[in-house]
Amino acid sequence: LEWKLAEVGAIATNLEENPKKDITNMMTLLVRDVSAHKDTNTKSND
């Protein structure tokens, strides 16, 4: 929440990066893996 408020300029945070960045990156990688797995299955079925 501190990061969100800092992004709009309301507070001067001392956080160096978004605390949710690692979680977001993990979710992105998970979605990519799922998509890649679906593509592989589709090609195998073809």
ModelCIF file with pLDDT and N, C-alpha, C, O atoms, coordinates in Angstrom:
data_MODEL
#
_entry.id   MODEL 
#
_entity.id                         1 
_entity.type                       polymer 
_entity.pdbx_number_of_molecules   1 
#
_entity_poly.entity_id                      1 
_entity_poly.type                           'polypeptide(L)' 
_entity_poly.nstd_linkage                   no 
_entity_poly.nstd_monomer                   no 
_entity_poly.pdbx_seq_one_letter_code       LEWKLAEVGAIATNLEENPKKDITNMMTLLVRDVSAHKDTNTKSND 
_entity_poly.pdbx_seq_one_letter_code_can   LEWKLAEVGAIATNLEENPKKDITNMMTLLVRDVSAHKDTNTKSND 
_entity_poly.pdbx_strand_id                 A 
#
loop_
_entity_poly_seq.entity_id 
_entity_poly_seq.num 
_entity_poly_seq.mon_id 
_entity_poly_seq.hetero 
1 1  LEU n 
1 2  GLU n 
1 3  TRP n 
1 4  LYS n 
1 5  LEU n 
1 6  ALA n 
1 7  GLU n 
1 8  VAL n 
1 9  GLY n 
1 10 ALA n 
1 11 ILE n 
1 12 ALA n 
1 13 THR n 
1 14 ASN n 
1 15 LEU n 
1 16 GLU n 
1 17 GLU n 
1 18 ASN n 
1 19 PRO n 
1 20 LYS n 
1 21 LYS n 
1 22 ASP n 
1 23 ILE n 
1 24 THR n 
1 25 ASN n 
1 26 MET n 
1 27 MET n 
1 28 THR n 
1 29 LEU n 
1 30 LEU n 
1 31 VAL n 
1 32 ARG n 
1 33 ASP n 
1 34 VAL n 
1 35 SER n 
1 36 ALA n 
1 37 HIS n 
1 38 LYS n 
1 39 ASP n 
1 40 THR n 
1 41 ASN n 
1 42 THR n 
1 43 LYS n 
1 44 SER n 
1 45 ASN n 
1 46 ASP n 
#
_struct_asym.id          A 
_struct_asym.entity_id   1 
#
loop_
_ma_qa_metric.id 
_ma_qa_metric.mode 
_ma_qa_metric.name 
_ma_qa_metric.software_group_id 
_ma_qa_metric.type 
1 global pLDDT . pLDDT 
2 local  pLDDT . pLDDT 
#
_ma_qa_metric_global.metric_id      1 
_ma_qa_metric_global.metric_value   71.50 
_ma_qa_metric_global.model_id       1 
_ma_qa_metric_global.ordinal_id     1 
#
loop_
_ma_qa_metric_local.label_asym_id 
_ma_qa_metric_local.label_comp_id 
_ma_qa_metric_local.label_seq_id 
_ma_qa_metric_local.metric_id 
_ma_qa_metric_local.metric_value 
_ma_qa_metric_local.model_id 
_ma_qa_metric_local.ordinal_id 
A LEU 1  2 97.00 1 1  
A GLU 2  2 97.00 1 2  
A TRP 3  2 96.00 1 3  
A LYS 4  2 96.00 1 4  
A LEU 5  2 97.00 1 5  
A ALA 6  2 97.00 1 6  
A GLU 7  2 96.00 1 7  
A VAL 8  2 96.00 1 8  
A GLY 9  2 96.00 1 9  
A ALA 10 2 96.00 1 10 
A ILE 11 2 95.00 1 11 
A ALA 12 2 93.00 1 12 
A THR 13 2 94.00 1 13 
A ASN 14 2 92.00 1 14 
A LEU 15 2 92.00 1 15 
A GLU 16 2 88.00 1 16 
A GLU 17 2 90.00 1 17 
A ASN 18 2 89.00 1 18 
A PRO 19 2 87.00 1 19 
A LYS 20 2 79.00 1 20 
A LYS 21 2 67.00 1 21 
A ASP 22 2 58.00 1 22 
A ILE 23 2 53.00 1 23 
A THR 24 2 49.00 1 24 
A ASN 25 2 50.00 1 25 
A MET 26 2 50.00 1 26 
A MET 27 2 50.00 1 27 
A THR 28 2 53.00 1 28 
A LEU 29 2 53.00 1 29 
A LEU 30 2 58.00 1 30 
A VAL 31 2 55.00 1 31 
A ARG 32 2 62.00 1 32 
A ASP 33 2 59.00 1 33 
A VAL 34 2 57.00 1 34 
A SER 35 2 59.00 1 35 
A ALA 36 2 54.00 1 36 
A HIS 37 2 54.00 1 37 
A LYS 38 2 56.00 1 38 
A ASP 39 2 57.00 1 39 
A THR 40 2 53.00 1 40 
A ASN 41 2 56.00 1 41 
A THR 42 2 54.00 1 42 
A LYS 43 2 50.00 1 43 
A SER 44 2 51.00 1 44 
A ASN 45 2 54.00 1 45 
A ASP 46 2 54.00 1 46 
#
loop_
_atom_site.group_PDB 
_atom_site.id 
_atom_site.type_symbol 
_atom_site.label_atom_id 
_atom_site.label_alt_id 
_atom_site.label_comp_id 
_atom_site.label_asym_id 
_atom_site.label_entity_id 
_atom_site.label_seq_id 
_atom_site.pdbx_PDB_ins_code 
_atom_site.Cartn_x 
_atom_site.Cartn_y 
_atom_site.Cartn_z 
_atom_site.occupancy 
_atom_site.B_iso_or_equiv 
_atom_site.pdbx_formal_charge 
_atom_site.auth_seq_id 
_atom_site.auth_comp_id 
_atom_site.auth_asym_id 
_atom_site.auth_atom_id 
_atom_site.pdbx_PDB_model_num 
ATOM 1   N N  . LEU A 1 1  ? 0.835  -1.203  0.000   1.00 97.00 ? 1  LEU A N  1 
ATOM 2   C CA . LEU A 1 1  ? 0.000  0.000   0.000   1.00 97.00 ? 1  LEU A CA 1 
ATOM 3   C C  . LEU A 1 1  ? 0.871  1.255   0.000   1.00 97.00 ? 1  LEU A C  1 
ATOM 4   O O  . LEU A 1 1  ? 0.557  2.233   -0.679  1.00 97.00 ? 1  LEU A O  1 
ATOM 5   N N  . GLU A 1 2  ? 1.954  1.224   0.756   1.00 97.00 ? 2  GLU A N  1 
ATOM 6   C CA . GLU A 1 2  ? 2.895  2.346   0.777   1.00 97.00 ? 2  GLU A CA 1 
ATOM 7   C C  . GLU A 1 2  ? 3.433  2.615   -0.626  1.00 97.00 ? 2  GLU A C  1 
ATOM 8   O O  . GLU A 1 2  ? 3.551  3.770   -1.035  1.00 97.00 ? 2  GLU A O  1 
ATOM 9   N N  . TRP A 1 3  ? 3.758  1.556   -1.360  1.00 96.00 ? 3  TRP A N  1 
ATOM 10  C CA . TRP A 1 3  ? 4.288  1.718   -2.711  1.00 96.00 ? 3  TRP A CA 1 
ATOM 11  C C  . TRP A 1 3  ? 3.229  2.322   -3.642  1.00 96.00 ? 3  TRP A C  1 
ATOM 12  O O  . TRP A 1 3  ? 3.539  3.186   -4.463  1.00 96.00 ? 3  TRP A O  1 
ATOM 13  N N  . LYS A 1 4  ? 1.986  1.866   -3.509  1.00 96.00 ? 4  LYS A N  1 
ATOM 14  C CA . LYS A 1 4  ? 0.904  2.396   -4.333  1.00 96.00 ? 4  LYS A CA 1 
ATOM 15  C C  . LYS A 1 4  ? 0.745  3.903   -4.126  1.00 96.00 ? 4  LYS A C  1 
ATOM 16  O O  . LYS A 1 4  ? 0.617  4.660   -5.089  1.00 96.00 ? 4  LYS A O  1 
ATOM 17  N N  . LEU A 1 5  ? 0.754  4.325   -2.871  1.00 97.00 ? 5  LEU A N  1 
ATOM 18  C CA . LEU A 1 5  ? 0.589  5.743   -2.564  1.00 97.00 ? 5  LEU A CA 1 
ATOM 19  C C  . LEU A 1 5  ? 1.805  6.558   -2.997  1.00 97.00 ? 5  LEU A C  1 
ATOM 20  O O  . LEU A 1 5  ? 1.676  7.725   -3.365  1.00 97.00 ? 5  LEU A O  1 
ATOM 21  N N  . ALA A 1 6  ? 2.976  5.943   -2.952  1.00 97.00 ? 6  ALA A N  1 
ATOM 22  C CA . ALA A 1 6  ? 4.191  6.631   -3.401  1.00 97.00 ? 6  ALA A CA 1 
ATOM 23  C C  . ALA A 1 6  ? 4.179  6.821   -4.907  1.00 97.00 ? 6  ALA A C  1 
ATOM 24  O O  . ALA A 1 6  ? 4.693  7.820   -5.411  1.00 97.00 ? 6  ALA A O  1 
ATOM 25  N N  . GLU A 1 7  ? 3.593  5.867   -5.637  1.00 96.00 ? 7  GLU A N  1 
ATOM 26  C CA . GLU A 1 7  ? 3.554  5.960   -7.099  1.00 96.00 ? 7  GLU A CA 1 
ATOM 27  C C  . GLU A 1 7  ? 2.740  7.154   -7.591  1.00 96.00 ? 7  GLU A C  1 
ATOM 28  O O  . GLU A 1 7  ? 3.011  7.693   -8.665  1.00 96.00 ? 7  GLU A O  1 
ATOM 29  N N  . VAL A 1 8  ? 1.739  7.571   -6.805  1.00 96.00 ? 8  VAL A N  1 
ATOM 30  C CA . VAL A 1 8  ? 0.953  8.753   -7.200  1.00 96.00 ? 8  VAL A CA 1 
ATOM 31  C C  . VAL A 1 8  ? 1.518  10.032  -6.595  1.00 96.00 ? 8  VAL A C  1 
ATOM 32  O O  . VAL A 1 8  ? 0.977  11.116  -6.814  1.00 96.00 ? 8  VAL A O  1 
ATOM 33  N N  . GLY A 1 9  ? 2.618  9.909   -5.825  1.00 96.00 ? 9  GLY A N  1 
ATOM 34  C CA . GLY A 1 9  ? 3.310  11.084  -5.303  1.00 96.00 ? 9  GLY A CA 1 
ATOM 35  C C  . GLY A 1 9  ? 2.882  11.535  -3.930  1.00 96.00 ? 9  GLY A C  1 
ATOM 36  O O  . GLY A 1 9  ? 3.352  12.565  -3.446  1.00 96.00 ? 9  GLY A O  1 
ATOM 37  N N  . ALA A 1 10 ? 1.985  10.777  -3.276  1.00 96.00 ? 10 ALA A N  1 
ATOM 38  C CA . ALA A 1 10 ? 1.434  11.233  -2.000  1.00 96.00 ? 10 ALA A CA 1 
ATOM 39  C C  . ALA A 1 10 ? 2.424  11.129  -0.847  1.00 96.00 ? 10 ALA A C  1 
ATOM 40  O O  . ALA A 1 10 ? 2.377  11.936  0.081   1.00 96.00 ? 10 ALA A O  1 
ATOM 41  N N  . ILE A 1 11 ? 3.308  10.156  -0.894  1.00 95.00 ? 11 ILE A N  1 
ATOM 42  C CA . ILE A 1 11 ? 4.277  9.969   0.177   1.00 95.00 ? 11 ILE A CA 1 
ATOM 43  C C  . ILE A 1 11 ? 5.667  9.755   -0.424  1.00 95.00 ? 11 ILE A C  1 
ATOM 44  O O  . ILE A 1 11 ? 5.809  9.317   -1.565  1.00 95.00 ? 11 ILE A O  1 
ATOM 45  N N  . ALA A 1 12 ? 6.679  10.073  0.368   1.00 93.00 ? 12 ALA A N  1 
ATOM 46  C CA . ALA A 1 12 ? 8.073  9.888   -0.051  1.00 93.00 ? 12 ALA A CA 1 
ATOM 47  C C  . ALA A 1 12 ? 8.598  8.620   0.613   1.00 93.00 ? 12 ALA A C  1 
ATOM 48  O O  . ALA A 1 12 ? 9.163  8.669   1.705   1.00 93.00 ? 12 ALA A O  1 
ATOM 49  N N  . THR A 1 13 ? 8.410  7.499   -0.049  1.00 94.00 ? 13 THR A N  1 
ATOM 50  C CA . THR A 1 13 ? 8.808  6.217   0.528   1.00 94.00 ? 13 THR A CA 1 
ATOM 51  C C  . THR A 1 13 ? 10.312 5.997   0.424   1.00 94.00 ? 13 THR A C  1 
ATOM 52  O O  . THR A 1 13 ? 10.977 6.545   -0.455  1.00 94.00 ? 13 THR A O  1 
ATOM 53  N N  . ASN A 1 14 ? 10.834 5.181   1.343   1.00 92.00 ? 14 ASN A N  1 
ATOM 54  C CA . ASN A 1 14 ? 12.236 4.784   1.256   1.00 92.00 ? 14 ASN A CA 1 
ATOM 55  C C  . ASN A 1 14 ? 12.375 3.366   0.687   1.00 92.00 ? 14 ASN A C  1 
ATOM 56  O O  . ASN A 1 14 ? 13.468 2.799   0.662   1.00 92.00 ? 14 ASN A O  1 
ATOM 57  N N  . LEU A 1 15 ? 11.247 2.805   0.233   1.00 92.00 ? 15 LEU A N  1 
ATOM 58  C CA . LEU A 1 15 ? 11.292 1.499   -0.421  1.00 92.00 ? 15 LEU A CA 1 
ATOM 59  C C  . LEU A 1 15 ? 11.967 1.658   -1.778  1.00 92.00 ? 15 LEU A C  1 
ATOM 60  O O  . LEU A 1 15 ? 11.678 2.601   -2.514  1.00 92.00 ? 15 LEU A O  1 
ATOM 61  N N  . GLU A 1 16 ? 12.862 0.737   -2.105  1.00 88.00 ? 16 GLU A N  1 
ATOM 62  C CA . GLU A 1 16 ? 13.632 0.845   -3.341  1.00 88.00 ? 16 GLU A CA 1 
ATOM 63  C C  . GLU A 1 16 ? 12.929 0.224   -4.542  1.00 88.00 ? 16 GLU A C  1 
ATOM 64  O O  . GLU A 1 16 ? 13.208 0.589   -5.684  1.00 88.00 ? 16 GLU A O  1 
ATOM 65  N N  . GLU A 1 17 ? 12.013 -0.716  -4.287  1.00 90.00 ? 17 GLU A N  1 
ATOM 66  C CA . GLU A 1 17 ? 11.280 -1.326  -5.382  1.00 90.00 ? 17 GLU A CA 1 
ATOM 67  C C  . GLU A 1 17 ? 9.936  -1.831  -4.889  1.00 90.00 ? 17 GLU A C  1 
ATOM 68  O O  . GLU A 1 17 ? 9.700  -1.956  -3.688  1.00 90.00 ? 17 GLU A O  1 
ATOM 69  N N  . ASN A 1 18 ? 9.064  -2.118  -5.840  1.00 89.00 ? 18 ASN A N  1 
ATOM 70  C CA . ASN A 1 18 ? 7.719  -2.587  -5.515  1.00 89.00 ? 18 ASN A CA 1 
ATOM 71  C C  . ASN A 1 18 ? 7.799  -3.904  -4.746  1.00 89.00 ? 18 ASN A C  1 
ATOM 72  O O  . ASN A 1 18 ? 8.346  -4.883  -5.255  1.00 89.00 ? 18 ASN A O  1 
ATOM 73  N N  . PRO A 1 19 ? 7.254  -3.941  -3.515  1.00 87.00 ? 19 PRO A N  1 
ATOM 74  C CA . PRO A 1 19 ? 7.309  -5.184  -2.734  1.00 87.00 ? 19 PRO A CA 1 
ATOM 75  C C  . PRO A 1 19 ? 6.561  -6.337  -3.399  1.00 87.00 ? 19 PRO A C  1 
ATOM 76  O O  . PRO A 1 19 ? 6.815  -7.504  -3.102  1.00 87.00 ? 19 PRO A O  1 
ATOM 77  N N  . LYS A 1 20 ? 5.635  -6.000  -4.302  1.00 79.00 ? 20 LYS A N  1 
ATOM 78  C CA . LYS A 1 20 ? 4.837  -7.032  -4.968  1.00 79.00 ? 20 LYS A CA 1 
ATOM 79  C C  . LYS A 1 20 ? 5.465  -7.469  -6.278  1.00 79.00 ? 20 LYS A C  1 
ATOM 80  O O  . LYS A 1 20 ? 4.909  -8.299  -6.997  1.00 79.00 ? 20 LYS A O  1 
ATOM 81  N N  . LYS A 1 21 ? 6.646  -6.899  -6.589  1.00 67.00 ? 21 LYS A N  1 
ATOM 82  C CA . LYS A 1 21 ? 7.286  -7.170  -7.874  1.00 67.00 ? 21 LYS A CA 1 
ATOM 83  C C  . LYS A 1 21 ? 7.600  -8.652  -8.043  1.00 67.00 ? 21 LYS A C  1 
ATOM 84  O O  . LYS A 1 21 ? 7.339  -9.220  -9.104  1.00 67.00 ? 21 LYS A O  1 
ATOM 85  N N  . ASP A 1 22 ? 8.155  -9.286  -7.014  1.00 58.00 ? 22 ASP A N  1 
ATOM 86  C CA . ASP A 1 22 ? 8.532  -10.694 -7.119  1.00 58.00 ? 22 ASP A CA 1 
ATOM 87  C C  . ASP A 1 22 ? 7.307  -11.567 -7.331  1.00 58.00 ? 22 ASP A C  1 
ATOM 88  O O  . ASP A 1 22 ? 7.340  -12.517 -8.114  1.00 58.00 ? 22 ASP A O  1 
ATOM 89  N N  . ILE A 1 23 ? 6.214  -11.238 -6.624  1.00 53.00 ? 23 ILE A N  1 
ATOM 90  C CA . ILE A 1 23 ? 4.989  -12.022 -6.774  1.00 53.00 ? 23 ILE A CA 1 
ATOM 91  C C  . ILE A 1 23 ? 4.437  -11.862 -8.183  1.00 53.00 ? 23 ILE A C  1 
ATOM 92  O O  . ILE A 1 23 ? 4.003  -12.833 -8.802  1.00 53.00 ? 23 ILE A O  1 
ATOM 93  N N  . THR A 1 24 ? 4.457  -10.627 -8.686  1.00 49.00 ? 24 THR A N  1 
ATOM 94  C CA . THR A 1 24 ? 3.964  -10.357 -10.043 1.00 49.00 ? 24 THR A CA 1 
ATOM 95  C C  . THR A 1 24 ? 4.784  -11.108 -11.075 1.00 49.00 ? 24 THR A C  1 
ATOM 96  O O  . THR A 1 24 ? 4.237  -11.684 -12.015 1.00 49.00 ? 24 THR A O  1 
ATOM 97  N N  . ASN A 1 25 ? 6.110  -11.101 -10.895 1.00 50.00 ? 25 ASN A N  1 
ATOM 98  C CA . ASN A 1 25 ? 6.987  -11.824 -11.824 1.00 50.00 ? 25 ASN A CA 1 
ATOM 99  C C  . ASN A 1 25 ? 6.712  -13.325 -11.794 1.00 50.00 ? 25 ASN A C  1 
ATOM 100 O O  . ASN A 1 25 ? 6.709  -13.986 -12.832 1.00 50.00 ? 25 ASN A O  1 
ATOM 101 N N  . MET A 1 26 ? 6.480  -13.858 -10.586 1.00 50.00 ? 26 MET A N  1 
ATOM 102 C CA . MET A 1 26 ? 6.194  -15.287 -10.456 1.00 50.00 ? 26 MET A CA 1 
ATOM 103 C C  . MET A 1 26 ? 4.887  -15.642 -11.159 1.00 50.00 ? 26 MET A C  1 
ATOM 104 O O  . MET A 1 26 ? 4.790  -16.663 -11.839 1.00 50.00 ? 26 MET A O  1 
ATOM 105 N N  . MET A 1 27 ? 3.870  -14.768 -10.980 1.00 50.00 ? 27 MET A N  1 
ATOM 106 C CA . MET A 1 27 ? 2.579  -15.015 -11.624 1.00 50.00 ? 27 MET A CA 1 
ATOM 107 C C  . MET A 1 27 ? 2.721  -14.957 -13.143 1.00 50.00 ? 27 MET A C  1 
ATOM 108 O O  . MET A 1 27 ? 2.114  -15.757 -13.856 1.00 50.00 ? 27 MET A O  1 
ATOM 109 N N  . THR A 1 28 ? 3.523  -14.013 -13.641 1.00 53.00 ? 28 THR A N  1 
ATOM 110 C CA . THR A 1 28 ? 3.742  -13.890 -15.082 1.00 53.00 ? 28 THR A CA 1 
ATOM 111 C C  . THR A 1 28 ? 4.407  -15.135 -15.643 1.00 53.00 ? 28 THR A C  1 
ATOM 112 O O  . THR A 1 28 ? 4.021  -15.648 -16.693 1.00 53.00 ? 28 THR A O  1 
ATOM 113 N N  . LEU A 1 29 ? 5.427  -15.616 -14.913 1.00 53.00 ? 29 LEU A N  1 
ATOM 114 C CA . LEU A 1 29 ? 6.118  -16.836 -15.355 1.00 53.00 ? 29 LEU A CA 1 
ATOM 115 C C  . LEU A 1 29 ? 5.189  -18.032 -15.324 1.00 53.00 ? 29 LEU A C  1 
ATOM 116 O O  . LEU A 1 29 ? 5.242  -18.891 -16.204 1.00 53.00 ? 29 LEU A O  1 
ATOM 117 N N  . LEU A 1 30 ? 4.322  -18.089 -14.293 1.00 58.00 ? 30 LEU A N  1 
ATOM 118 C CA . LEU A 1 30 ? 3.381  -19.208 -14.177 1.00 58.00 ? 30 LEU A CA 1 
ATOM 119 C C  . LEU A 1 30 ? 2.401  -19.206 -15.347 1.00 58.00 ? 30 LEU A C  1 
ATOM 120 O O  . LEU A 1 30 ? 2.113  -20.255 -15.922 1.00 58.00 ? 30 LEU A O  1 
ATOM 121 N N  . VAL A 1 31 ? 1.892  -18.029 -15.697 1.00 55.00 ? 31 VAL A N  1 
ATOM 122 C CA . VAL A 1 31 ? 0.959  -17.914 -16.822 1.00 55.00 ? 31 VAL A CA 1 
ATOM 123 C C  . VAL A 1 31 ? 1.650  -18.333 -18.118 1.00 55.00 ? 31 VAL A C  1 
ATOM 124 O O  . VAL A 1 31 ? 1.058  -19.023 -18.948 1.00 55.00 ? 31 VAL A O  1 
ATOM 125 N N  . ARG A 1 32 ? 2.903  -17.917 -18.287 1.00 62.00 ? 32 ARG A N  1 
ATOM 126 C CA . ARG A 1 32 ? 3.655  -18.296 -19.493 1.00 62.00 ? 32 ARG A CA 1 
ATOM 127 C C  . ARG A 1 32 ? 3.852  -19.801 -19.565 1.00 62.00 ? 32 ARG A C  1 
ATOM 128 O O  . ARG A 1 32 ? 3.716  -20.405 -20.629 1.00 62.00 ? 32 ARG A O  1 
ATOM 129 N N  . ASP A 1 33 ? 4.178  -20.409 -18.408 1.00 59.00 ? 33 ASP A N  1 
ATOM 130 C CA . ASP A 1 33 ? 4.388  -21.858 -18.383 1.00 59.00 ? 33 ASP A CA 1 
ATOM 131 C C  . ASP A 1 33 ? 3.113  -22.599 -18.745 1.00 59.00 ? 33 ASP A C  1 
ATOM 132 O O  . ASP A 1 33 ? 3.133  -23.575 -19.495 1.00 59.00 ? 33 ASP A O  1 
ATOM 133 N N  . VAL A 1 34 ? 1.990  -22.110 -18.193 1.00 57.00 ? 34 VAL A N  1 
ATOM 134 C CA . VAL A 1 34 ? 0.699  -22.745 -18.487 1.00 57.00 ? 34 VAL A CA 1 
ATOM 135 C C  . VAL A 1 34 ? 0.372  -22.616 -19.969 1.00 57.00 ? 34 VAL A C  1 
ATOM 136 O O  . VAL A 1 34 ? -0.089 -23.570 -20.595 1.00 57.00 ? 34 VAL A O  1 
ATOM 137 N N  . SER A 1 35 ? 0.615  -21.424 -20.530 1.00 59.00 ? 35 SER A N  1 
ATOM 138 C CA . SER A 1 35 ? 0.342  -21.194 -21.952 1.00 59.00 ? 35 SER A CA 1 
ATOM 139 C C  . SER A 1 35 ? 1.216  -22.074 -22.833 1.00 59.00 ? 35 SER A C  1 
ATOM 140 O O  . SER A 1 35 ? 0.757  -22.654 -23.817 1.00 59.00 ? 35 SER A O  1 
ATOM 141 N N  . ALA A 1 36 ? 2.505  -22.158 -22.447 1.00 54.00 ? 36 ALA A N  1 
ATOM 142 C CA . ALA A 1 36 ? 3.436  -22.992 -23.215 1.00 54.00 ? 36 ALA A CA 1 
ATOM 143 C C  . ALA A 1 36 ? 3.029  -24.461 -23.156 1.00 54.00 ? 36 ALA A C  1 
ATOM 144 O O  . ALA A 1 36 ? 3.144  -25.187 -24.144 1.00 54.00 ? 36 ALA A O  1 
ATOM 145 N N  . HIS A 1 37 ? 2.546  -24.897 -21.970 1.00 54.00 ? 37 HIS A N  1 
ATOM 146 C CA . HIS A 1 37 ? 2.116  -26.284 -21.800 1.00 54.00 ? 37 HIS A CA 1 
ATOM 147 C C  . HIS A 1 37 ? 0.897  -26.575 -22.670 1.00 54.00 ? 37 HIS A C  1 
ATOM 148 O O  . HIS A 1 37 ? 0.791  -27.639 -23.279 1.00 54.00 ? 37 HIS A O  1 
ATOM 149 N N  . LYS A 1 38 ? -0.030 -25.600 -22.717 1.00 56.00 ? 38 LYS A N  1 
ATOM 150 C CA . LYS A 1 38 ? -1.222 -25.775 -23.551 1.00 56.00 ? 38 LYS A CA 1 
ATOM 151 C C  . LYS A 1 38 ? -0.843 -25.856 -25.023 1.00 56.00 ? 38 LYS A C  1 
ATOM 152 O O  . LYS A 1 38 ? -1.390 -26.676 -25.761 1.00 56.00 ? 38 LYS A O  1 
ATOM 153 N N  . ASP A 1 39 ? 0.094  -25.008 -25.457 1.00 57.00 ? 39 ASP A N  1 
ATOM 154 C CA . ASP A 1 39 ? 0.538  -25.025 -26.854 1.00 57.00 ? 39 ASP A CA 1 
ATOM 155 C C  . ASP A 1 39 ? 1.167  -26.355 -27.214 1.00 57.00 ? 39 ASP A C  1 
ATOM 156 O O  . ASP A 1 39 ? 0.944  -26.887 -28.302 1.00 57.00 ? 39 ASP A O  1 
ATOM 157 N N  . THR A 1 40 ? 1.964  -26.895 -26.281 1.00 53.00 ? 40 THR A N  1 
ATOM 158 C CA . THR A 1 40 ? 2.630  -28.183 -26.521 1.00 53.00 ? 40 THR A CA 1 
ATOM 159 C C  . THR A 1 40 ? 1.607  -29.294 -26.668 1.00 53.00 ? 40 THR A C  1 
ATOM 160 O O  . THR A 1 40 ? 1.710  -30.132 -27.563 1.00 53.00 ? 40 THR A O  1 
ATOM 161 N N  . ASN A 1 41 ? 0.604  -29.296 -25.771 1.00 56.00 ? 41 ASN A N  1 
ATOM 162 C CA . ASN A 1 41 ? -0.445 -30.321 -25.829 1.00 56.00 ? 41 ASN A CA 1 
ATOM 163 C C  . ASN A 1 41 ? -1.240 -30.220 -27.117 1.00 56.00 ? 41 ASN A C  1 
ATOM 164 O O  . ASN A 1 41 ? -1.625 -31.223 -27.717 1.00 56.00 ? 41 ASN A O  1 
ATOM 165 N N  . THR A 1 42 ? -1.479 -28.957 -27.533 1.00 54.00 ? 42 THR A N  1 
ATOM 166 C CA . THR A 1 42 ? -2.239 -28.753 -28.770 1.00 54.00 ? 42 THR A CA 1 
ATOM 167 C C  . THR A 1 42 ? -1.485 -29.319 -29.967 1.00 54.00 ? 42 THR A C  1 
ATOM 168 O O  . THR A 1 42 ? -2.059 -29.995 -30.821 1.00 54.00 ? 42 THR A O  1 
ATOM 169 N N  . LYS A 1 43 ? -0.181 -29.026 -30.011 1.00 50.00 ? 43 LYS A N  1 
ATOM 170 C CA . LYS A 1 43 ? 0.634  -29.528 -31.113 1.00 50.00 ? 43 LYS A CA 1 
ATOM 171 C C  . LYS A 1 43 ? 0.715  -31.053 -31.086 1.00 50.00 ? 43 LYS A C  1 
ATOM 172 O O  . LYS A 1 43 ? 0.692  -31.699 -32.134 1.00 50.00 ? 43 LYS A O  1 
ATOM 173 N N  . SER A 1 44 ? 0.811  -31.631 -29.876 1.00 51.00 ? 44 SER A N  1 
ATOM 174 C CA . SER A 1 44 ? 0.890  -33.089 -29.746 1.00 51.00 ? 44 SER A CA 1 
ATOM 175 C C  . SER A 1 44 ? -0.405 -33.724 -30.230 1.00 51.00 ? 44 SER A C  1 
ATOM 176 O O  . SER A 1 44 ? -0.381 -34.748 -30.914 1.00 51.00 ? 44 SER A O  1 
ATOM 177 N N  . ASN A 1 45 ? -1.516 -33.129 -29.883 1.00 54.00 ? 45 ASN A N  1 
ATOM 178 C CA . ASN A 1 45 ? -2.808 -33.663 -30.315 1.00 54.00 ? 45 ASN A CA 1 
ATOM 179 C C  . ASN A 1 45 ? -2.962 -33.592 -31.823 1.00 54.00 ? 45 ASN A C  1 
ATOM 180 O O  . ASN A 1 45 ? -3.539 -34.484 -32.445 1.00 54.00 ? 45 ASN A O  1 
ATOM 181 N N  . ASP A 1 46 ? -2.428 -32.494 -32.417 1.00 54.00 ? 46 ASP A N  1 
ATOM 182 C CA . ASP A 1 46 ? -2.502 -32.349 -33.866 1.00 54.00 ? 46 ASP A CA 1 
ATOM 183 C C  . ASP A 1 46 ? -1.712 -33.453 -34.573 1.00 54.00 ? 46 ASP A C  1 
ATOM 184 O O  . ASP A 1 46 ? -1.664 -33.487 -35.802 1.00 54.00 ? 46 ASP A O  1 
#
